[in-house]
Amino acid sequence: SADIKNDIHALANDGIEFRAKYYDISVAHYLIQPEQGHDIGRLSAAMLDYDVISWDSLIQPDGKGHSKRDITSVPVELLKDYACEQADMALRLKSMLDAKIKEFGMDSLLHDVEFPLIEVLADMERTGVRLNESVLVEYKSVLEERVQNLEKEIYEIAGTEFNISSPAQVGEILFEK
């Protein structure tokens, strides 16, 4: 699959615990080329010179005033073609990615660290975390005050006020003034 964590969530929503052996294409590709996109569409185009059926093409407007179709209104034939193609591409990409992972000596990193971490992250996302909202609200005001003080200090050093969020204005202050 290209997103095992998403699959784990989808199955858990229906009360099914994911226990199958898996290989996550996106995680494997991330180890090899972290700066690029990791979805099957991009990988299939780049590594296999193949353009897959896009998810967006399946859920395009249905002509009934809806901005996007619900998956239940997508014809089963289209869903079948999409799902089969995704599985086919994942299988083809796996062998290519596995070879690169082994070439770079990252086999243990992938199988002993990255893949088990997927399950941990999925569990954390499903479980959530407990937050003390009053502490966060209080800390928000502390941070807002700190930001205001830093802005004042920046304006004093620059000798003028400007939009700190604007790269162009920051560049003008840094390089022209």
C-alpha atoms as a PDB file:
ATOM      1  CA  SER A   1       0.000   0.000   0.000  1.00  0.00           C
ATOM      2  CA  ALA A   2       1.001   3.623  -0.323  1.00  0.00           C
ATOM      3  CA  ASP A   3      -0.475   4.578   3.050  1.00  0.00           C
ATOM      4  CA  ILE A   4      -0.758   1.751   5.573  1.00  0.00           C
ATOM      5  CA  LYS A   5      -1.588   4.170   8.376  1.00  0.00           C
ATOM      6  CA  ASN A   6      -4.655   5.346   6.464  1.00  0.00           C
ATOM      7  CA  ASP A   7      -5.618   1.715   5.834  1.00  0.00           C
ATOM      8  CA  ILE A   8      -5.248   0.945   9.564  1.00  0.00           C
ATOM      9  CA  HIS A   9      -7.601   3.844  10.363  1.00  0.00           C
ATOM     10  CA  ALA A  10     -10.136   2.822   7.710  1.00  0.00           C
ATOM     11  CA  LEU A  11     -10.282  -0.737   9.017  1.00  0.00           C
ATOM     12  CA  ALA A  12     -10.423   0.413  12.647  1.00  0.00           C
ATOM     13  CA  ASN A  13     -13.434   2.579  11.798  1.00  0.00           C
ATOM     14  CA  ASP A  14     -15.236  -0.674  10.954  1.00  0.00           C
ATOM     15  CA  GLY A  15     -13.954  -2.441  14.082  1.00  0.00           C
ATOM     16  CA  ILE A  16     -11.271  -4.441  12.269  1.00  0.00           C
ATOM     17  CA  GLU A  17      -7.800  -4.698  13.791  1.00  0.00           C
ATOM     18  CA  PHE A  18      -5.055  -4.588  11.155  1.00  0.00           C
ATOM     19  CA  ARG A  19      -2.692  -7.534  11.628  1.00  0.00           C
ATOM     20  CA  ALA A  20      -1.446  -8.290   8.110  1.00  0.00           C
ATOM     21  CA  LYS A  21       2.158  -8.129   7.021  1.00  0.00           C
ATOM     22  CA  TYR A  22       2.632  -4.958   5.003  1.00  0.00           C
ATOM     23  CA  TYR A  23       4.985  -2.816   2.963  1.00  0.00           C
ATOM     24  CA  ASP A  24       4.353   0.918   2.833  1.00  0.00           C
ATOM     25  CA  ILE A  25       5.497   2.329  -0.514  1.00  0.00           C
ATOM     26  CA  SER A  26       5.410   5.937   0.705  1.00  0.00           C
ATOM     27  CA  VAL A  27       7.569   5.280   3.766  1.00  0.00           C
ATOM     28  CA  ALA A  28      10.091   3.265   1.737  1.00  0.00           C
ATOM     29  CA  HIS A  29      10.342   6.017  -0.866  1.00  0.00           C
ATOM     30  CA  TYR A  30      10.675   8.648   1.861  1.00  0.00           C
ATOM     31  CA  LEU A  31      13.860   6.952   3.066  1.00  0.00           C
ATOM     32  CA  ILE A  32      15.326   7.047  -0.432  1.00  0.00           C
ATOM     33  CA  GLN A  33      14.176  10.521  -1.532  1.00  0.00           C
ATOM     34  CA  PRO A  34      12.646  12.459   1.391  1.00  0.00           C
ATOM     35  CA  GLU A  35      12.339  15.711  -0.548  1.00  0.00           C
ATOM     36  CA  GLN A  36       9.922  14.325  -3.169  1.00  0.00           C
ATOM     37  CA  GLY A  37       6.251  13.335  -3.136  1.00  0.00           C
ATOM     38  CA  HIS A  38       5.562   9.753  -2.094  1.00  0.00           C
ATOM     39  CA  ASP A  39       2.109   8.884  -3.435  1.00  0.00           C
ATOM     40  CA  ILE A  40       1.640   6.040  -5.926  1.00  0.00           C
ATOM     41  CA  GLY A  41       0.653   8.417  -8.722  1.00  0.00           C
ATOM     42  CA  ARG A  42       3.903  10.354  -8.550  1.00  0.00           C
ATOM     43  CA  LEU A  43       6.022   7.266  -8.000  1.00  0.00           C
ATOM     44  CA  SER A  44       4.392   5.385 -10.873  1.00  0.00           C
ATOM     45  CA  ALA A  45       4.997   8.308 -13.211  1.00  0.00           C
ATOM     46  CA  ALA A  46       8.595   8.832 -12.090  1.00  0.00           C
ATOM     47  CA  MET A  47       9.763   5.246 -11.651  1.00  0.00           C
ATOM     48  CA  LEU A  48       7.558   3.299 -14.081  1.00  0.00           C
ATOM     49  CA  ASP A  49       6.684   5.992 -16.621  1.00  0.00           C
ATOM     50  CA  TYR A  50       3.015   5.150 -16.046  1.00  0.00           C
ATOM     51  CA  ASP A  51       0.108   7.493 -15.344  1.00  0.00           C
ATOM     52  CA  VAL A  52      -2.425   6.025 -12.919  1.00  0.00           C
ATOM     53  CA  ILE A  53      -6.129   6.750 -12.600  1.00  0.00           C
ATOM     54  CA  SER A  54      -6.310   9.708 -10.230  1.00  0.00           C
ATOM     55  CA  TRP A  55      -8.590   9.672  -7.194  1.00  0.00           C
ATOM     56  CA  ASP A  56      -9.775  13.150  -8.122  1.00  0.00           C
ATOM     57  CA  SER A  57     -10.959  11.889 -11.511  1.00  0.00           C
ATOM     58  CA  LEU A  58     -13.241   9.416  -9.712  1.00  0.00           C
ATOM     59  CA  ILE A  59     -14.877  11.980  -7.458  1.00  0.00           C
ATOM     60  CA  GLN A  60     -15.266  14.819  -9.955  1.00  0.00           C
ATOM     61  CA  PRO A  61     -18.561  16.700  -9.918  1.00  0.00           C
ATOM     62  CA  ASP A  62     -21.505  14.467 -10.740  1.00  0.00           C
ATOM     63  CA  GLY A  63     -23.453  17.069 -12.703  1.00  0.00           C
ATOM     64  CA  LYS A  64     -26.121  17.327  -9.995  1.00  0.00           C
ATOM     65  CA  GLY A  65     -24.798  20.436  -8.306  1.00  0.00           C
ATOM     66  CA  HIS A  66     -22.437  18.596  -5.998  1.00  0.00           C
ATOM     67  CA  SER A  67     -18.886  19.859  -5.967  1.00  0.00           C
ATOM     68  CA  LYS A  68     -17.517  16.321  -5.607  1.00  0.00           C
ATOM     69  CA  ARG A  69     -19.104  12.909  -5.719  1.00  0.00           C
ATOM     70  CA  ASP A  70     -19.361  10.770  -2.626  1.00  0.00           C
ATOM     71  CA  ILE A  71     -17.446   7.518  -3.047  1.00  0.00           C
ATOM     72  CA  THR A  72     -20.731   5.588  -2.848  1.00  0.00           C
ATOM     73  CA  SER A  73     -21.888   7.240  -6.064  1.00  0.00           C
ATOM     74  CA  VAL A  74     -18.754   6.284  -8.026  1.00  0.00           C
ATOM     75  CA  PRO A  75     -19.539   3.342 -10.334  1.00  0.00           C
ATOM     76  CA  VAL A  76     -18.141   0.079  -8.982  1.00  0.00           C
ATOM     77  CA  GLU A  77     -16.355  -0.621 -12.272  1.00  0.00           C
ATOM     78  CA  LEU A  78     -14.333   2.591 -11.892  1.00  0.00           C
ATOM     79  CA  LEU A  79     -13.526   1.804  -8.253  1.00  0.00           C
ATOM     80  CA  LYS A  80     -12.451  -1.717  -9.242  1.00  0.00           C
ATOM     81  CA  ASP A  81     -10.132  -0.398 -11.955  1.00  0.00           C
ATOM     82  CA  TYR A  82      -8.688   2.189  -9.568  1.00  0.00           C
ATOM     83  CA  ALA A  83      -8.122  -0.303  -6.729  1.00  0.00           C
ATOM     84  CA  CYS A  84      -6.590  -2.955  -8.985  1.00  0.00           C
ATOM     85  CA  GLU A  85      -4.275  -0.431 -10.590  1.00  0.00           C
ATOM     86  CA  GLN A  86      -3.180   0.886  -7.178  1.00  0.00           C
ATOM     87  CA  ALA A  87      -2.387  -2.666  -6.025  1.00  0.00           C
ATOM     88  CA  ASP A  88      -0.524  -3.426  -9.260  1.00  0.00           C
ATOM     89  CA  MET A  89       1.568  -0.260  -9.008  1.00  0.00           C
ATOM     90  CA  ALA A  90       2.328  -0.881  -5.320  1.00  0.00           C
ATOM     91  CA  LEU A  91       3.575  -4.384  -6.147  1.00  0.00           C
ATOM     92  CA  ARG A  92       5.731  -3.151  -9.026  1.00  0.00           C
ATOM     93  CA  LEU A  93       7.130  -0.255  -6.996  1.00  0.00           C
ATOM     94  CA  LYS A  94       7.878  -2.469  -3.985  1.00  0.00           C
ATOM     95  CA  SER A  95      10.500  -4.508  -5.821  1.00  0.00           C
ATOM     96  CA  MET A  96      12.181  -1.367  -7.159  1.00  0.00           C
ATOM     97  CA  LEU A  97      12.131   0.372  -3.778  1.00  0.00           C
ATOM     98  CA  ASP A  98      13.338  -2.762  -1.983  1.00  0.00           C
ATOM     99  CA  ALA A  99      16.371  -2.918  -4.264  1.00  0.00           C
ATOM    100  CA  LYS A 100      17.231   0.718  -3.511  1.00  0.00           C
ATOM    101  CA  ILE A 101      16.662   0.252   0.229  1.00  0.00           C
ATOM    102  CA  LYS A 102      19.068  -2.701   0.231  1.00  0.00           C
ATOM    103  CA  GLU A 103      21.576  -0.794  -1.954  1.00  0.00           C
ATOM    104  CA  PHE A 104      21.611   2.071   0.557  1.00  0.00           C
ATOM    105  CA  GLY A 105      21.876  -0.306   3.543  1.00  0.00           C
ATOM    106  CA  MET A 106      18.574   0.848   5.022  1.00  0.00           C
ATOM    107  CA  ASP A 107      16.775  -2.507   5.183  1.00  0.00           C
ATOM    108  CA  SER A 108      16.924  -2.691   8.972  1.00  0.00           C
ATOM    109  CA  LEU A 109      15.907   0.954   9.353  1.00  0.00           C
ATOM    110  CA  LEU A 110      12.862   0.382   7.164  1.00  0.00           C
ATOM    111  CA  HIS A 111      11.679  -2.907   8.663  1.00  0.00           C
ATOM    112  CA  ASP A 112      12.772  -2.520  12.295  1.00  0.00           C
ATOM    113  CA  VAL A 113      12.111   1.182  12.860  1.00  0.00           C
ATOM    114  CA  GLU A 114       9.985   2.893  10.211  1.00  0.00           C
ATOM    115  CA  PHE A 115       7.347   0.216   9.574  1.00  0.00           C
ATOM    116  CA  PRO A 116       6.667  -0.549  13.269  1.00  0.00           C
ATOM    117  CA  LEU A 117       6.426   3.193  13.870  1.00  0.00           C
ATOM    118  CA  ILE A 118       3.464   3.355  11.477  1.00  0.00           C
ATOM    119  CA  GLU A 119       1.401   1.238  13.866  1.00  0.00           C
ATOM    120  CA  VAL A 120       2.490   3.308  16.856  1.00  0.00           C
ATOM    121  CA  LEU A 121       1.527   6.559  15.111  1.00  0.00           C
ATOM    122  CA  ALA A 122      -1.822   5.132  13.995  1.00  0.00           C
ATOM    123  CA  ASP A 123      -2.546   4.034  17.567  1.00  0.00           C
ATOM    124  CA  MET A 124      -1.563   7.458  18.928  1.00  0.00           C
ATOM    125  CA  GLU A 125      -3.800   9.195  16.393  1.00  0.00           C
ATOM    126  CA  ARG A 126      -6.763   6.965  17.236  1.00  0.00           C
ATOM    127  CA  THR A 127      -6.237   7.257  20.984  1.00  0.00           C
ATOM    128  CA  GLY A 128      -5.519  10.972  21.008  1.00  0.00           C
ATOM    129  CA  VAL A 129      -3.931  12.899  23.835  1.00  0.00           C
ATOM    130  CA  ARG A 130      -5.360  14.596  26.874  1.00  0.00           C
ATOM    131  CA  LEU A 131      -4.818  18.343  26.998  1.00  0.00           C
ATOM    132  CA  ASN A 132      -5.231  20.810  29.800  1.00  0.00           C
ATOM    133  CA  GLU A 133      -7.045  23.529  27.895  1.00  0.00           C
ATOM    134  CA  SER A 134      -6.672  26.188  30.593  1.00  0.00           C
ATOM    135  CA  VAL A 135      -2.879  25.745  30.565  1.00  0.00           C
ATOM    136  CA  LEU A 136      -2.841  26.126  26.777  1.00  0.00           C
ATOM    137  CA  VAL A 137      -4.975  29.273  26.921  1.00  0.00           C
ATOM    138  CA  GLU A 138      -2.666  30.719  29.563  1.00  0.00           C
ATOM    139  CA  TYR A 139       0.419  29.818  27.553  1.00  0.00           C
ATOM    140  CA  LYS A 140      -1.131  31.390  24.460  1.00  0.00           C
ATOM    141  CA  SER A 141      -1.224  34.771  26.205  1.00  0.00           C
ATOM    142  CA  VAL A 142       2.414  34.326  27.316  1.00  0.00           C
ATOM    143  CA  LEU A 143       3.446  33.601  23.730  1.00  0.00           C
ATOM    144  CA  GLU A 144       1.404  36.507  22.332  1.00  0.00           C
ATOM    145  CA  GLU A 145       3.122  38.887  24.747  1.00  0.00           C
ATOM    146  CA  ARG A 146       6.519  37.468  23.810  1.00  0.00           C
ATOM    147  CA  VAL A 147       5.771  37.929  20.091  1.00  0.00           C
ATOM    148  CA  GLN A 148       4.712  41.550  20.678  1.00  0.00           C
ATOM    149  CA  ASN A 149       7.940  42.246  22.600  1.00  0.00           C
ATOM    150  CA  LEU A 150      10.037  40.647  19.869  1.00  0.00           C
ATOM    151  CA  GLU A 151       8.222  42.690  17.205  1.00  0.00           C
ATOM    152  CA  LYS A 152       8.954  45.909  19.141  1.00  0.00           C
ATOM    153  CA  GLU A 153      12.609  44.923  19.443  1.00  0.00           C
ATOM    154  CA  ILE A 154      12.803  44.168  15.705  1.00  0.00           C
ATOM    155  CA  TYR A 155      11.213  47.534  14.840  1.00  0.00           C
ATOM    156  CA  GLU A 156      13.693  49.329  17.135  1.00  0.00           C
ATOM    157  CA  ILE A 157      16.668  47.607  15.535  1.00  0.00           C
ATOM    158  CA  ALA A 158      15.319  48.254  12.017  1.00  0.00           C
ATOM    159  CA  GLY A 159      14.417  51.852  12.809  1.00  0.00           C
ATOM    160  CA  THR A 160      10.986  51.460  11.225  1.00  0.00           C
ATOM    161  CA  GLU A 161       7.863  49.327  11.328  1.00  0.00           C
ATOM    162  CA  PHE A 162       7.200  46.854   8.507  1.00  0.00           C
ATOM    163  CA  ASN A 163       5.348  43.598   7.861  1.00  0.00           C
ATOM    164  CA  ILE A 164       7.564  40.971   9.474  1.00  0.00           C
ATOM    165  CA  SER A 165       5.604  38.249   7.659  1.00  0.00           C
ATOM    166  CA  SER A 166       6.542  39.681   4.254  1.00  0.00           C
ATOM    167  CA  PRO A 167       9.766  38.207   2.834  1.00  0.00           C
ATOM    168  CA  ALA A 168       9.999  41.183   0.456  1.00  0.00           C
ATOM    169  CA  GLN A 169       9.804  43.729   3.278  1.00  0.00           C
ATOM    170  CA  VAL A 170      12.213  41.738   5.460  1.00  0.00           C
ATOM    171  CA  GLY A 171      14.607  41.567   2.498  1.00  0.00           C
ATOM    172  CA  GLU A 172      14.329  45.320   2.001  1.00  0.00           C
ATOM    173  CA  ILE A 173      15.139  45.941   5.680  1.00  0.00           C
ATOM    174  CA  LEU A 174      18.030  43.477   5.726  1.00  0.00           C
ATOM    175  CA  PHE A 175      19.667  44.294   2.414  1.00  0.00           C
ATOM    176  CA  GLU A 176      18.686  47.845   1.532  1.00  0.00           C
ATOM    177  CA  LYS A 177      18.473  49.612   4.870  1.00  0.00           C
END
